[in-house]
């Protein structure tokens, strides 16, 4: 389960954080606070890290299981891709958060 959350869930969370970040620009400018923008980005980064760590733990725990060769190859591929994809999209969310720190929502 963690592999699929890291492989598919982290990109969805990243896109959701991006959309919510854009949606919160107008209210943030109106209230002159970035608290909600930072809260959304922080929650996204934490969720991405949880998914990635869960995938890494599942990969470590599943090395002992025996399965047919074709099933092992598919499982190995999913295990091999889940952690890098999860970490990549977590890094994307960190980069988006950095932009929220640097730029003011009212600087138009």
N, C-alpha and C. Protein backbone atom coordinates (compact mmCIF):
# COMPACT_ATOMS: atom_id res chain seq x y z
N UNK A 1 0.81 -1.19 0.00
CA UNK A 1 0.00 0.00 0.00
C UNK A 1 0.86 1.27 0.00
N UNK A 2 1.91 1.29 0.79
CA UNK A 2 2.75 2.48 0.87
C UNK A 2 3.44 2.78 -0.45
N UNK A 3 3.78 1.73 -1.18
CA UNK A 3 4.42 1.97 -2.48
C UNK A 3 3.50 2.74 -3.40
N UNK A 4 2.23 2.34 -3.43
CA UNK A 4 1.29 3.02 -4.31
C UNK A 4 0.99 4.43 -3.83
N UNK A 5 0.97 4.63 -2.52
CA UNK A 5 0.78 5.98 -2.00
C UNK A 5 1.95 6.88 -2.38
N UNK A 6 3.17 6.35 -2.30
CA UNK A 6 4.33 7.15 -2.70
C UNK A 6 4.38 7.36 -4.20
N UNK A 7 4.01 6.33 -4.95
CA UNK A 7 4.11 6.39 -6.40
C UNK A 7 3.01 7.25 -7.01
N UNK A 8 1.80 7.17 -6.52
CA UNK A 8 0.68 7.91 -7.10
C UNK A 8 0.15 9.01 -6.18
N UNK A 9 0.20 8.78 -4.89
CA UNK A 9 -0.35 9.74 -3.95
C UNK A 9 0.47 11.01 -3.81
N UNK A 10 1.78 10.89 -3.81
CA UNK A 10 2.63 12.06 -3.65
C UNK A 10 2.49 13.04 -4.82
N UNK A 11 2.46 12.59 -6.08
CA UNK A 11 2.20 13.57 -7.15
C UNK A 11 0.82 14.22 -7.04
N UNK A 12 -0.19 13.48 -6.61
CA UNK A 12 -1.53 14.06 -6.43
C UNK A 12 -1.50 15.10 -5.31
N UNK A 13 -0.81 14.79 -4.23
CA UNK A 13 -0.68 15.75 -3.13
C UNK A 13 0.06 16.99 -3.61
N UNK A 14 1.09 16.81 -4.41
CA UNK A 14 1.86 17.94 -4.93
C UNK A 14 0.98 18.85 -5.79
N UNK A 15 0.19 18.26 -6.66
CA UNK A 15 -0.71 19.07 -7.49
C UNK A 15 -1.79 19.74 -6.64
N UNK A 16 -2.27 19.07 -5.62
CA UNK A 16 -3.27 19.65 -4.74
C UNK A 16 -2.69 20.84 -3.98
N UNK A 17 -1.47 20.69 -3.49
CA UNK A 17 -0.80 21.78 -2.78
C UNK A 17 -0.60 22.97 -3.72
N UNK A 18 -0.21 22.70 -4.94
CA UNK A 18 -0.02 23.78 -5.91
C UNK A 18 -1.34 24.51 -6.16
N UNK A 19 -2.41 23.77 -6.37
CA UNK A 19 -3.71 24.39 -6.60
C UNK A 19 -4.22 25.17 -5.41
N UNK A 20 -4.09 24.59 -4.22
CA UNK A 20 -4.52 25.30 -3.01
C UNK A 20 -3.65 26.53 -2.75
N UNK A 21 -2.37 26.42 -3.06
CA UNK A 21 -1.49 27.58 -2.91
C UNK A 21 -1.92 28.74 -3.78
N UNK A 22 -2.27 28.44 -5.03
CA UNK A 22 -2.77 29.49 -5.91
C UNK A 22 -4.12 30.01 -5.44
N UNK A 23 -4.99 29.14 -4.95
CA UNK A 23 -6.31 29.55 -4.50
C UNK A 23 -6.24 30.43 -3.25
N UNK A 24 -5.21 30.25 -2.44
CA UNK A 24 -5.10 31.02 -1.21
C UNK A 24 -4.39 32.36 -1.38
N UNK A 25 -3.96 32.68 -2.59
CA UNK A 25 -3.26 33.95 -2.81
C UNK A 25 -4.17 35.14 -2.54
N UNK A 26 -5.37 35.13 -3.08
CA UNK A 26 -6.28 36.27 -2.90
C UNK A 26 -6.68 36.47 -1.43
N UNK A 27 -7.10 35.40 -0.71
CA UNK A 27 -7.39 35.62 0.71
C UNK A 27 -6.16 36.03 1.52
N UNK A 28 -5.00 35.52 1.18
CA UNK A 28 -3.78 35.89 1.90
C UNK A 28 -3.45 37.36 1.68
N UNK A 29 -3.65 37.82 0.48
CA UNK A 29 -3.40 39.23 0.19
C UNK A 29 -4.42 40.12 0.91
N UNK A 30 -5.65 39.69 0.94
CA UNK A 30 -6.70 40.47 1.59
C UNK A 30 -6.47 40.58 3.10
N UNK A 31 -5.99 39.51 3.73
CA UNK A 31 -5.79 39.49 5.17
C UNK A 31 -4.34 39.79 5.58
N UNK A 32 -3.46 39.96 4.60
CA UNK A 32 -2.04 40.24 4.85
C UNK A 32 -1.39 39.21 5.77
N UNK A 33 -1.68 37.94 5.52
CA UNK A 33 -1.07 36.85 6.27
C UNK A 33 -0.81 35.68 5.33
N UNK A 34 0.28 35.00 5.56
CA UNK A 34 0.63 33.82 4.76
C UNK A 34 0.48 32.53 5.56
N UNK A 35 -0.21 32.59 6.67
CA UNK A 35 -0.30 31.43 7.55
C UNK A 35 -0.92 30.23 6.86
N UNK A 36 -2.03 30.43 6.14
CA UNK A 36 -2.70 29.31 5.49
C UNK A 36 -1.87 28.76 4.34
N UNK A 37 -1.19 29.63 3.63
CA UNK A 37 -0.33 29.17 2.53
C UNK A 37 0.78 28.29 3.06
N UNK A 38 1.42 28.72 4.14
CA UNK A 38 2.49 27.92 4.74
C UNK A 38 1.95 26.64 5.36
N UNK A 39 0.76 26.69 5.94
CA UNK A 39 0.18 25.48 6.53
C UNK A 39 -0.11 24.43 5.46
N UNK A 40 -0.62 24.86 4.32
CA UNK A 40 -0.91 23.91 3.22
C UNK A 40 0.38 23.29 2.70
N UNK A 41 1.41 24.11 2.51
CA UNK A 41 2.69 23.58 2.02
C UNK A 41 3.35 22.65 3.04
N UNK A 42 3.28 23.02 4.31
CA UNK A 42 3.87 22.17 5.35
C UNK A 42 3.15 20.83 5.42
N UNK A 43 1.84 20.85 5.35
CA UNK A 43 1.07 19.60 5.38
C UNK A 43 1.41 18.72 4.17
N UNK A 44 1.57 19.33 3.00
CA UNK A 44 1.93 18.57 1.81
C UNK A 44 3.30 17.93 1.92
N UNK A 45 4.27 18.68 2.42
CA UNK A 45 5.63 18.14 2.57
C UNK A 45 5.64 17.01 3.59
N UNK A 46 4.95 17.19 4.69
CA UNK A 46 4.89 16.13 5.71
C UNK A 46 4.22 14.88 5.15
N UNK A 47 3.14 15.05 4.42
CA UNK A 47 2.44 13.92 3.82
C UNK A 47 3.33 13.21 2.80
N UNK A 48 4.05 13.97 1.99
CA UNK A 48 4.98 13.37 1.03
C UNK A 48 6.08 12.58 1.72
N UNK A 49 6.61 13.13 2.81
CA UNK A 49 7.64 12.41 3.56
C UNK A 49 7.09 11.14 4.21
N UNK A 50 5.88 11.21 4.73
CA UNK A 50 5.27 10.02 5.34
C UNK A 50 5.08 8.93 4.29
N UNK A 51 4.58 9.30 3.12
CA UNK A 51 4.40 8.32 2.05
C UNK A 51 5.74 7.71 1.63
N UNK A 52 6.77 8.54 1.51
CA UNK A 52 8.09 8.05 1.06
C UNK A 52 8.74 7.15 2.11
N UNK A 53 8.66 7.53 3.36
CA UNK A 53 9.23 6.70 4.43
C UNK A 53 8.47 5.39 4.52
N UNK A 54 7.16 5.44 4.38
CA UNK A 54 6.36 4.22 4.39
C UNK A 54 6.75 3.29 3.25
N UNK A 55 7.00 3.85 2.07
CA UNK A 55 7.44 3.03 0.93
C UNK A 55 8.81 2.42 1.18
N UNK A 56 9.70 3.18 1.79
CA UNK A 56 11.04 2.65 2.09
C UNK A 56 10.95 1.51 3.12
N UNK A 57 10.10 1.67 4.12
CA UNK A 57 9.94 0.62 5.12
C UNK A 57 9.28 -0.62 4.53
N UNK A 58 8.31 -0.42 3.64
CA UNK A 58 7.67 -1.57 3.00
C UNK A 58 8.65 -2.31 2.10
N UNK A 59 9.51 -1.56 1.43
CA UNK A 59 10.52 -2.22 0.58
C UNK A 59 11.47 -3.06 1.42
N UNK A 60 11.89 -2.51 2.56
CA UNK A 60 12.79 -3.26 3.43
C UNK A 60 12.11 -4.49 4.02
N UNK A 61 10.83 -4.39 4.32
CA UNK A 61 10.12 -5.50 4.93
C UNK A 61 9.76 -6.60 3.94
N UNK A 62 9.64 -6.28 2.68
CA UNK A 62 9.18 -7.27 1.70
C UNK A 62 10.31 -8.01 1.00
N UNK A 63 11.52 -7.81 1.39
CA UNK A 63 12.65 -8.49 0.73
C UNK A 63 12.68 -9.98 1.03
N UNK A 64 12.01 -10.40 2.09
CA UNK A 64 12.08 -11.80 2.49
C UNK A 64 11.01 -12.66 1.84
N UNK A 65 10.02 -12.07 1.21
CA UNK A 65 8.92 -12.84 0.65
C UNK A 65 9.32 -13.56 -0.62
N UNK A 66 8.76 -14.74 -0.79
CA UNK A 66 9.00 -15.50 -2.00
C UNK A 66 7.79 -15.37 -2.92
N UNK A 67 8.04 -15.20 -4.20
CA UNK A 67 6.97 -15.07 -5.18
C UNK A 67 7.50 -15.59 -6.51
N UNK A 68 6.60 -15.88 -7.47
CA UNK A 68 7.07 -16.28 -8.79
C UNK A 68 7.95 -15.19 -9.42
N UNK A 69 8.77 -15.58 -10.38
CA UNK A 69 9.77 -14.67 -10.94
C UNK A 69 9.15 -13.44 -11.59
N UNK A 70 8.08 -13.61 -12.37
CA UNK A 70 7.49 -12.44 -13.01
C UNK A 70 6.84 -11.50 -11.99
N UNK A 71 6.26 -12.09 -10.95
CA UNK A 71 5.68 -11.27 -9.89
C UNK A 71 6.77 -10.53 -9.12
N UNK A 72 7.89 -11.18 -8.89
CA UNK A 72 9.01 -10.53 -8.21
C UNK A 72 9.55 -9.37 -9.03
N UNK A 73 9.63 -9.53 -10.34
CA UNK A 73 10.15 -8.46 -11.18
C UNK A 73 9.24 -7.23 -11.13
N UNK A 74 7.95 -7.45 -11.20
CA UNK A 74 7.01 -6.32 -11.12
C UNK A 74 7.06 -5.66 -9.75
N UNK A 75 7.09 -6.47 -8.71
CA UNK A 75 7.15 -5.93 -7.35
C UNK A 75 8.45 -5.15 -7.14
N UNK A 76 9.55 -5.68 -7.66
CA UNK A 76 10.82 -4.99 -7.53
C UNK A 76 10.79 -3.65 -8.26
N UNK A 77 10.18 -3.61 -9.43
CA UNK A 77 10.09 -2.35 -10.18
C UNK A 77 9.28 -1.31 -9.41
N UNK A 78 8.14 -1.73 -8.86
CA UNK A 78 7.32 -0.79 -8.10
C UNK A 78 8.06 -0.32 -6.85
N UNK A 79 8.74 -1.24 -6.18
CA UNK A 79 9.54 -0.87 -5.01
C UNK A 79 10.65 0.10 -5.40
N UNK A 80 11.29 -0.17 -6.53
CA UNK A 80 12.42 0.66 -6.95
C UNK A 80 11.97 2.07 -7.37
N UNK A 81 10.77 2.21 -7.87
CA UNK A 81 10.32 3.51 -8.35
C UNK A 81 9.57 4.32 -7.30
N UNK A 82 8.97 3.68 -6.32
CA UNK A 82 8.12 4.39 -5.36
C UNK A 82 8.89 5.42 -4.55
N UNK A 83 10.02 5.04 -4.00
CA UNK A 83 10.78 5.96 -3.16
C UNK A 83 11.32 7.15 -3.94
N UNK A 84 11.97 6.96 -5.10
CA UNK A 84 12.45 8.14 -5.84
C UNK A 84 11.33 9.07 -6.29
N UNK A 85 10.21 8.51 -6.73
CA UNK A 85 9.10 9.36 -7.16
C UNK A 85 8.53 10.13 -5.97
N UNK A 86 8.37 9.45 -4.84
CA UNK A 86 7.87 10.13 -3.65
C UNK A 86 8.79 11.25 -3.19
N UNK A 87 10.09 10.99 -3.20
CA UNK A 87 11.04 12.02 -2.78
C UNK A 87 11.13 13.15 -3.79
N UNK A 88 11.02 12.83 -5.07
CA UNK A 88 11.06 13.87 -6.10
C UNK A 88 9.90 14.84 -5.94
N UNK A 89 8.70 14.32 -5.77
CA UNK A 89 7.55 15.20 -5.64
C UNK A 89 7.52 15.90 -4.28
N UNK A 90 8.12 15.31 -3.27
CA UNK A 90 8.28 16.02 -2.00
C UNK A 90 9.24 17.19 -2.18
N UNK A 91 10.29 16.99 -2.95
CA UNK A 91 11.22 18.07 -3.26
C UNK A 91 10.53 19.16 -4.07
N UNK A 92 9.65 18.78 -4.97
CA UNK A 92 8.87 19.77 -5.73
C UNK A 92 8.02 20.61 -4.79
N UNK A 93 7.41 19.97 -3.79
CA UNK A 93 6.60 20.73 -2.83
C UNK A 93 7.47 21.66 -1.98
N UNK A 94 8.68 21.24 -1.66
CA UNK A 94 9.59 22.11 -0.93
C UNK A 94 9.95 23.33 -1.79
N UNK A 95 10.18 23.11 -3.08
CA UNK A 95 10.49 24.22 -3.98
C UNK A 95 9.31 25.18 -4.10
N UNK A 96 8.09 24.64 -4.16
CA UNK A 96 6.91 25.50 -4.18
C UNK A 96 6.79 26.29 -2.89
N UNK A 97 7.10 25.66 -1.79
CA UNK A 97 7.04 26.34 -0.49
C UNK A 97 8.09 27.45 -0.42
N UNK A 98 9.26 27.20 -0.99
CA UNK A 98 10.31 28.22 -1.02
C UNK A 98 9.82 29.47 -1.74
N UNK A 99 9.12 29.28 -2.84
CA UNK A 99 8.57 30.43 -3.58
C UNK A 99 7.57 31.18 -2.70
N UNK A 100 6.78 30.45 -1.93
CA UNK A 100 5.83 31.12 -1.04
C UNK A 100 6.54 31.92 0.05
N UNK A 101 7.73 31.48 0.45
CA UNK A 101 8.51 32.23 1.44
C UNK A 101 9.10 33.49 0.84
N UNK A 102 9.55 33.40 -0.41
CA UNK A 102 10.29 34.50 -1.03
C UNK A 102 9.37 35.58 -1.59
N UNK A 103 8.31 35.18 -2.27
CA UNK A 103 7.44 36.14 -2.94
C UNK A 103 6.21 36.47 -2.11
N UNK A 104 5.83 37.71 -2.11
CA UNK A 104 4.62 38.15 -1.42
C UNK A 104 3.41 37.90 -2.33
N UNK A 105 2.27 37.49 -1.77
CA UNK A 105 1.10 37.27 -2.62
C UNK A 105 0.52 38.55 -3.20
N UNK A 106 0.88 39.70 -2.64
CA UNK A 106 0.34 40.97 -3.10
C UNK A 106 1.30 41.72 -4.02
N UNK A 107 2.37 41.10 -4.44
CA UNK A 107 3.38 41.77 -5.27
C UNK A 107 3.02 41.71 -6.75
N UNK A 108 1.89 42.24 -7.10
CA UNK A 108 1.49 42.26 -8.50
C UNK A 108 1.38 43.65 -8.90
